Amino acid sequence: MELKDSLMEFRGSLMELKDSLMEFRGSLMELKDSLMEFKDSLMELKDSLMEFRGSLMELKGSLMGFRGSLSR
């Protein structure tokens, strides 16, 4: 009877471990999703900064042209 009780207790511990591992897996999946969203946000920021850089370069070109026309 003692062996049976020990085995049942061990089985219960294994079930708790399984539940904990499943919960941990769920947390890891949520973390992965959050990191993917963060990566997407960073990519959007990069694209916006590149567009802004392009606009600044256009502005620089326009100002250089304006400066050149004032020199004449």
PDB file of N, CA and C in Angstrom:
ATOM      1  N   MET A   1       0.828  -1.194   0.000  1.00  0.00           N
ATOM      2  CA  MET A   1       0.000   0.000   0.000  1.00  0.00           C
ATOM      3  C   MET A   1       0.874   1.261   0.000  1.00  0.00           C
ATOM      4  N   GLU A   2       1.980   1.208   0.714  1.00  0.00           N
ATOM      5  CA  GLU A   2       2.879   2.357   0.783  1.00  0.00           C
ATOM      6  C   GLU A   2       3.469   2.669  -0.601  1.00  0.00           C
ATOM      7  N   LEU A   3       3.822   1.643  -1.348  1.00  0.00           N
ATOM      8  CA  LEU A   3       4.360   1.837  -2.691  1.00  0.00           C
ATOM      9  C   LEU A   3       3.312   2.470  -3.600  1.00  0.00           C
ATOM     10  N   LYS A   4       2.092   1.998  -3.492  1.00  0.00           N
ATOM     11  CA  LYS A   4       1.007   2.545  -4.308  1.00  0.00           C
ATOM     12  C   LYS A   4       0.800   4.030  -3.992  1.00  0.00           C
ATOM     13  N   ASP A   5       0.823   4.379  -2.700  1.00  0.00           N
ATOM     14  CA  ASP A   5       0.657   5.784  -2.307  1.00  0.00           C
ATOM     15  C   ASP A   5       1.800   6.641  -2.843  1.00  0.00           C
ATOM     16  N   SER A   6       3.013   6.103  -2.763  1.00  0.00           N
ATOM     17  CA  SER A   6       4.173   6.833  -3.266  1.00  0.00           C
ATOM     18  C   SER A   6       4.073   7.047  -4.775  1.00  0.00           C
ATOM     19  N   LEU A   7       3.637   6.024  -5.482  1.00  0.00           N
ATOM     20  CA  LEU A   7       3.474   6.142  -6.927  1.00  0.00           C
ATOM     21  C   LEU A   7       2.378   7.146  -7.288  1.00  0.00           C
ATOM     22  N   MET A   8       1.300   7.147  -6.532  1.00  0.00           N
ATOM     23  CA  MET A   8       0.221   8.102  -6.785  1.00  0.00           C
ATOM     24  C   MET A   8       0.700   9.527  -6.508  1.00  0.00           C
ATOM     25  N   GLU A   9       1.474   9.697  -5.445  1.00  0.00           N
ATOM     26  CA  GLU A   9       2.032  11.014  -5.123  1.00  0.00           C
ATOM     27  C   GLU A   9       2.992  11.469  -6.222  1.00  0.00           C
ATOM     28  N   PHE A  10       3.814  10.546  -6.708  1.00  0.00           N
ATOM     29  CA  PHE A  10       4.751  10.842  -7.791  1.00  0.00           C
ATOM     30  C   PHE A  10       3.990  11.238  -9.065  1.00  0.00           C
ATOM     31  N   ARG A  11       2.917  10.498  -9.335  1.00  0.00           N
ATOM     32  CA  ARG A  11       2.087  10.807 -10.504  1.00  0.00           C
ATOM     33  C   ARG A  11       1.490  12.205 -10.373  1.00  0.00           C
ATOM     34  N   GLY A  12       1.033  12.545  -9.194  1.00  0.00           N
ATOM     35  CA  GLY A  12       0.482  13.880  -8.956  1.00  0.00           C
ATOM     36  C   GLY A  12       1.536  14.957  -9.184  1.00  0.00           C
ATOM     37  N   SER A  13       2.761  14.691  -8.717  1.00  0.00           N
ATOM     38  CA  SER A  13       3.852  15.638  -8.921  1.00  0.00           C
ATOM     39  C   SER A  13       4.148  15.803 -10.401  1.00  0.00           C
ATOM     40  N   LEU A  14       4.134  14.708 -11.141  1.00  0.00           N
ATOM     41  CA  LEU A  14       4.367  14.782 -12.588  1.00  0.00           C
ATOM     42  C   LEU A  14       3.281  15.593 -13.287  1.00  0.00           C
ATOM     43  N   MET A  15       2.048  15.436 -12.840  1.00  0.00           N
ATOM     44  CA  MET A  15       0.948  16.195 -13.436  1.00  0.00           C
ATOM     45  C   MET A  15       1.118  17.693 -13.150  1.00  0.00           C
ATOM     46  N   GLU A  16       1.543  18.031 -11.931  1.00  0.00           N
ATOM     47  CA  GLU A  16       1.800  19.435 -11.586  1.00  0.00           C
ATOM     48  C   GLU A  16       2.943  19.990 -12.438  1.00  0.00           C
ATOM     49  N   LEU A  17       3.979  19.187 -12.621  1.00  0.00           N
ATOM     50  CA  LEU A  17       5.108  19.604 -13.455  1.00  0.00           C
ATOM     51  C   LEU A  17       4.646  19.848 -14.887  1.00  0.00           C
ATOM     52  N   LYS A  18       3.823  18.952 -15.405  1.00  0.00           N
ATOM     53  CA  LYS A  18       3.292  19.110 -16.758  1.00  0.00           C
ATOM     54  C   LYS A  18       2.507  20.413 -16.877  1.00  0.00           C
ATOM     55  N   ASP A  19       1.654  20.681 -15.887  1.00  0.00           N
ATOM     56  CA  ASP A  19       0.860  21.912 -15.909  1.00  0.00           C
ATOM     57  C   ASP A  19       1.765  23.144 -15.868  1.00  0.00           C
ATOM     58  N   SER A  20       2.790  23.091 -15.019  1.00  0.00           N
ATOM     59  CA  SER A  20       3.727  24.214 -14.917  1.00  0.00           C
ATOM     60  C   SER A  20       4.471  24.421 -16.232  1.00  0.00           C
ATOM     61  N   LEU A  21       4.880  23.337 -16.858  1.00  0.00           N
ATOM     62  CA  LEU A  21       5.585  23.443 -18.141  1.00  0.00           C
ATOM     63  C   LEU A  21       4.679  23.987 -19.239  1.00  0.00           C
ATOM     64  N   MET A  22       3.430  23.598 -19.224  1.00  0.00           N
ATOM     65  CA  MET A  22       2.480  24.108 -20.211  1.00  0.00           C
ATOM     66  C   MET A  22       2.254  25.605 -20.000  1.00  0.00           C
ATOM     67  N   GLU A  23       2.172  26.028 -18.747  1.00  0.00           N
ATOM     68  CA  GLU A  23       2.008  27.445 -18.435  1.00  0.00           C
ATOM     69  C   GLU A  23       3.255  28.226 -18.882  1.00  0.00           C
ATOM     70  N   PHE A  24       4.420  27.658 -18.629  1.00  0.00           N
ATOM     71  CA  PHE A  24       5.674  28.283 -19.039  1.00  0.00           C
ATOM     72  C   PHE A  24       5.739  28.400 -20.559  1.00  0.00           C
ATOM     73  N   ARG A  25       5.318  27.364 -21.238  1.00  0.00           N
ATOM     74  CA  ARG A  25       5.281  27.384 -22.705  1.00  0.00           C
ATOM     75  C   ARG A  25       4.375  28.504 -23.199  1.00  0.00           C
ATOM     76  N   GLY A  26       3.222  28.645 -22.553  1.00  0.00           N
ATOM     77  CA  GLY A  26       2.299  29.718 -22.920  1.00  0.00           C
ATOM     78  C   GLY A  26       2.942  31.089 -22.732  1.00  0.00           C
ATOM     79  N   SER A  27       3.668  31.245 -21.632  1.00  0.00           N
ATOM     80  CA  SER A  27       4.357  32.514 -21.374  1.00  0.00           C
ATOM     81  C   SER A  27       5.417  32.782 -22.439  1.00  0.00           C
ATOM     82  N   LEU A  28       6.135  31.748 -22.829  1.00  0.00           N
ATOM     83  CA  LEU A  28       7.148  31.911 -23.873  1.00  0.00           C
ATOM     84  C   LEU A  28       6.507  32.303 -25.205  1.00  0.00           C
ATOM     85  N   MET A  29       5.371  31.737 -25.505  1.00  0.00           N
ATOM     86  CA  MET A  29       4.672  32.080 -26.749  1.00  0.00           C
ATOM     87  C   MET A  29       4.218  33.544 -26.718  1.00  0.00           C
ATOM     88  N   GLU A  30       3.733  34.001 -25.560  1.00  0.00           N
ATOM     89  CA  GLU A  30       3.331  35.404 -25.428  1.00  0.00           C
ATOM     90  C   GLU A  30       4.547  36.317 -25.592  1.00  0.00           C
ATOM     91  N   LEU A  31       5.667  35.916 -25.002  1.00  0.00           N
ATOM     92  CA  LEU A  31       6.897  36.696 -25.139  1.00  0.00           C
ATOM     93  C   LEU A  31       7.324  36.767 -26.594  1.00  0.00           C
ATOM     94  N   LYS A  32       7.252  35.648 -27.294  1.00  0.00           N
ATOM     95  CA  LYS A  32       7.608  35.613 -28.714  1.00  0.00           C
ATOM     96  C   LYS A  32       6.727  36.575 -29.504  1.00  0.00           C
ATOM     97  N   ASP A  33       5.419  36.540 -29.227  1.00  0.00           N
ATOM     98  CA  ASP A  33       4.499  37.438 -29.936  1.00  0.00           C
ATOM     99  C   ASP A  33       4.834  38.900 -29.653  1.00  0.00           C
ATOM    100  N   SER A  34       5.131  39.209 -28.392  1.00  0.00           N
ATOM    101  CA  SER A  34       5.481  40.583 -28.030  1.00  0.00           C
ATOM    102  C   SER A  34       6.767  41.024 -28.722  1.00  0.00           C
ATOM    103  N   LEU A  35       7.742  40.131 -28.780  1.00  0.00           N
ATOM    104  CA  LEU A  35       9.001  40.463 -29.447  1.00  0.00           C
ATOM    105  C   LEU A  35       8.804  40.666 -30.944  1.00  0.00           C
ATOM    106  N   MET A  36       7.925  39.896 -31.536  1.00  0.00           N
ATOM    107  CA  MET A  36       7.641  40.065 -32.967  1.00  0.00           C
ATOM    108  C   MET A  36       6.965  41.412 -33.217  1.00  0.00           C
ATOM    109  N   GLU A  37       6.039  41.795 -32.337  1.00  0.00           N
ATOM    110  CA  GLU A  37       5.392  43.099 -32.468  1.00  0.00           C
ATOM    111  C   GLU A  37       6.415  44.222 -32.308  1.00  0.00           C
ATOM    112  N   PHE A  38       7.331  44.063 -31.354  1.00  0.00           N
ATOM    113  CA  PHE A  38       8.380  45.055 -31.126  1.00  0.00           C
ATOM    114  C   PHE A  38       9.273  45.166 -32.357  1.00  0.00           C
ATOM    115  N   LYS A  39       9.623  44.026 -32.935  1.00  0.00           N
ATOM    116  CA  LYS A  39      10.443  44.023 -34.147  1.00  0.00           C
ATOM    117  C   LYS A  39       9.731  44.762 -35.277  1.00  0.00           C
ATOM    118  N   ASP A  40       8.432  44.496 -35.432  1.00  0.00           N
ATOM    119  CA  ASP A  40       7.653  45.175 -36.469  1.00  0.00           C
ATOM    120  C   ASP A  40       7.639  46.682 -36.233  1.00  0.00           C
ATOM    121  N   SER A  41       7.493  47.088 -34.967  1.00  0.00           N
ATOM    122  CA  SER A  41       7.499  48.518 -34.634  1.00  0.00           C
ATOM    123  C   SER A  41       8.849  49.146 -34.972  1.00  0.00           C
ATOM    124  N   LEU A  42       9.920  48.432 -34.686  1.00  0.00           N
ATOM    125  CA  LEU A  42      11.250  48.942 -35.010  1.00  0.00           C
ATOM    126  C   LEU A  42      11.440  49.080 -36.519  1.00  0.00           C
ATOM    127  N   MET A  43      10.922  48.131 -37.265  1.00  0.00           N
ATOM    128  CA  MET A  43      11.028  48.207 -38.720  1.00  0.00           C
ATOM    129  C   MET A  43      10.238  49.403 -39.261  1.00  0.00           C
ATOM    130  N   GLU A  44       9.046  49.652 -38.689  1.00  0.00           N
ATOM    131  CA  GLU A  44       8.260  50.812 -39.105  1.00  0.00           C
ATOM    132  C   GLU A  44       9.003  52.102 -38.760  1.00  0.00           C
ATOM    133  N   LEU A  45       9.628  52.138 -37.581  1.00  0.00           N
ATOM    134  CA  LEU A  45      10.401  53.315 -37.181  1.00  0.00           C
ATOM    135  C   LEU A  45      11.563  53.540 -38.139  1.00  0.00           C
ATOM    136  N   LYS A  46      12.242  52.451 -38.499  1.00  0.00           N
ATOM    137  CA  LYS A  46      13.358  52.554 -39.450  1.00  0.00           C
ATOM    138  C   LYS A  46      12.873  53.133 -40.772  1.00  0.00           C
ATOM    139  N   ASP A  47      11.745  52.629 -41.267  1.00  0.00           N
ATOM    140  CA  ASP A  47      11.199  53.128 -42.531  1.00  0.00           C
ATOM    141  C   ASP A  47      10.850  54.613 -42.429  1.00  0.00           C
ATOM    142  N   SER A  48      10.244  55.006 -41.311  1.00  0.00           N
ATOM    143  CA  SER A  48       9.894  56.410 -41.120  1.00  0.00           C
ATOM    144  C   SER A  48      11.142  57.286 -41.074  1.00  0.00           C
ATOM    145  N   LEU A  49      12.163  56.810 -40.390  1.00  0.00           N
ATOM    146  CA  LEU A  49      13.404  57.576 -40.314  1.00  0.00           C
ATOM    147  C   LEU A  49      14.078  57.690 -41.673  1.00  0.00           C
ATOM    148  N   MET A  50      14.000  56.644 -42.470  1.00  0.00           N
ATOM    149  CA  MET A  50      14.575  56.698 -43.811  1.00  0.00           C
ATOM    150  C   MET A  50      13.811  57.705 -44.670  1.00  0.00           C
ATOM    151  N   GLU A  51      12.479  57.737 -44.555  1.00  0.00           N
ATOM    152  CA  GLU A  51      11.681  58.718 -45.293  1.00  0.00           C
ATOM    153  C   GLU A  51      12.037  60.129 -44.841  1.00  0.00           C
ATOM    154  N   PHE A  52      12.193  60.310 -43.523  1.00  0.00           N
ATOM    155  CA  PHE A  52      12.554  61.613 -42.978  1.00  0.00           C
ATOM    156  C   PHE A  52      13.918  62.042 -43.495  1.00  0.00           C
ATOM    157  N   ARG A  53      14.846  61.111 -43.539  1.00  0.00           N
ATOM    158  CA  ARG A  53      16.187  61.400 -44.061  1.00  0.00           C
ATOM    159  C   ARG A  53      16.099  61.846 -45.525  1.00  0.00           C
ATOM    160  N   GLY A  54      15.280  61.138 -46.293  1.00  0.00           N
ATOM    161  CA  GLY A  54      15.088  61.511 -47.693  1.00  0.00           C
ATOM    162  C   GLY A  54      14.521  62.917 -47.821  1.00  0.00           C
ATOM    163  N   SER A  55      13.559  63.243 -46.959  1.00  0.00           N
ATOM    164  CA  SER A  55      12.980  64.590 -46.986  1.00  0.00           C
ATOM    165  C   SER A  55      14.023  65.643 -46.637  1.00  0.00           C
ATOM    166  N   LEU A  56      14.860  65.334 -45.662  1.00  0.00           N
ATOM    167  CA  LEU A  56      15.920  66.279 -45.292  1.00  0.00           C
ATOM    168  C   LEU A  56      16.909  66.471 -46.434  1.00  0.00           C
ATOM    169  N   MET A  57      17.211  65.407 -47.144  1.00  0.00           N
ATOM    170  CA  MET A  57      18.132  65.511 -48.272  1.00  0.00           C
ATOM    171  C   MET A  57      17.512  66.373 -49.380  1.00  0.00           C
ATOM    172  N   GLU A  58      16.213  66.197 -49.617  1.00  0.00           N
ATOM    173  CA  GLU A  58      15.522  67.029 -50.610  1.00  0.00           C
ATOM    174  C   GLU A  58      15.544  68.491 -50.181  1.00  0.00           C
ATOM    175  N   LEU A  59      15.289  68.726 -48.893  1.00  0.00           N
ATOM    176  CA  LEU A  59      15.319  70.091 -48.379  1.00  0.00           C
ATOM    177  C   LEU A  59      16.710  70.693 -48.537  1.00  0.00           C
ATOM    178  N   LYS A  60      17.716  69.911 -48.237  1.00  0.00           N
ATOM    179  CA  LYS A  60      19.098  70.383 -48.396  1.00  0.00           C
ATOM    180  C   LYS A  60      19.358  70.767 -49.848  1.00  0.00           C
ATOM    181  N   GLY A  61      18.920  69.915 -50.766  1.00  0.00           N
ATOM    182  CA  GLY A  61      19.097  70.207 -52.184  1.00  0.00           C
ATOM    183  C   GLY A  61      18.386  71.489 -52.592  1.00  0.00           C
ATOM    184  N   SER A  62      17.173  71.664 -52.090  1.00  0.00           N
ATOM    185  CA  SER A  62      16.423  72.881 -52.413  1.00  0.00           C
ATOM    186  C   SER A  62      17.117  74.108 -51.847  1.00  0.00           C
ATOM    187  N   LEU A  63      17.595  74.010 -50.628  1.00  0.00           N
ATOM    188  CA  LEU A  63      18.283  75.144 -50.009  1.00  0.00           C
ATOM    189  C   LEU A  63      19.588  75.470 -50.727  1.00  0.00           C
ATOM    190  N   MET A  64      20.289  74.438 -51.156  1.00  0.00           N
ATOM    191  CA  MET A  64      21.531  74.665 -51.899  1.00  0.00           C
ATOM    192  C   MET A  64      21.215  75.367 -53.230  1.00  0.00           C
ATOM    193  N   GLY A  65      20.124  74.949 -53.880  1.00  0.00           N
ATOM    194  CA  GLY A  65      19.715  75.591 -55.128  1.00  0.00           C
ATOM    195  C   GLY A  65      19.310  77.039 -54.895  1.00  0.00           C
ATOM    196  N   PHE A  66      18.578  77.277 -53.818  1.00  0.00           N
ATOM    197  CA  PHE A  66      18.162  78.633 -53.474  1.00  0.00           C
ATOM    198  C   PHE A  66      19.371  79.504 -53.174  1.00  0.00           C
ATOM    199  N   ARG A  67      20.304  78.932 -52.432  1.00  0.00           N
ATOM    200  CA  ARG A  67      21.552  79.665 -52.101  1.00  0.00           C
ATOM    201  C   ARG A  67      22.318  80.001 -53.389  1.00  0.00           C
ATOM    202  N   GLY A  68      22.355  79.039 -54.297  1.00  0.00           N
ATOM    203  CA  GLY A  68      23.046  79.263 -55.568  1.00  0.00           C
ATOM    204  C   GLY A  68      22.384  80.369 -56.381  1.00  0.00           C
ATOM    205  N   SER A  69      21.035  80.429 -56.323  1.00  0.00           N
ATOM    206  CA  SER A  69      20.354  81.467 -57.095  1.00  0.00           C
ATOM    207  C   SER A  69      20.561  82.843 -56.474  1.00  0.00           C
ATOM    208  N   LEU A  70      20.792  82.898 -55.169  1.00  0.00           N
ATOM    209  CA  LEU A  70      21.073  84.185 -54.512  1.00  0.00           C
ATOM    210  C   LEU A  70      22.478  84.677 -54.848  1.00  0.00           C
ATOM    211  N   SER A  71      23.378  83.767 -55.101  1.00  0.00           N
ATOM    212  CA  SER A  71      24.778  84.135 -55.396  1.00  0.00           C
ATOM    213  C   SER A  71      24.911  84.775 -56.766  1.00  0.00           C
ATOM    214  N   ARG A  72      23.977  84.513 -57.642  1.00  0.00           N
ATOM    215  CA  ARG A  72      24.072  85.021 -59.017  1.00  0.00           C
ATOM    216  C   ARG A  72      23.723  86.437 -59.145  1.00  0.00           C
TER     217      ARG A  72
END
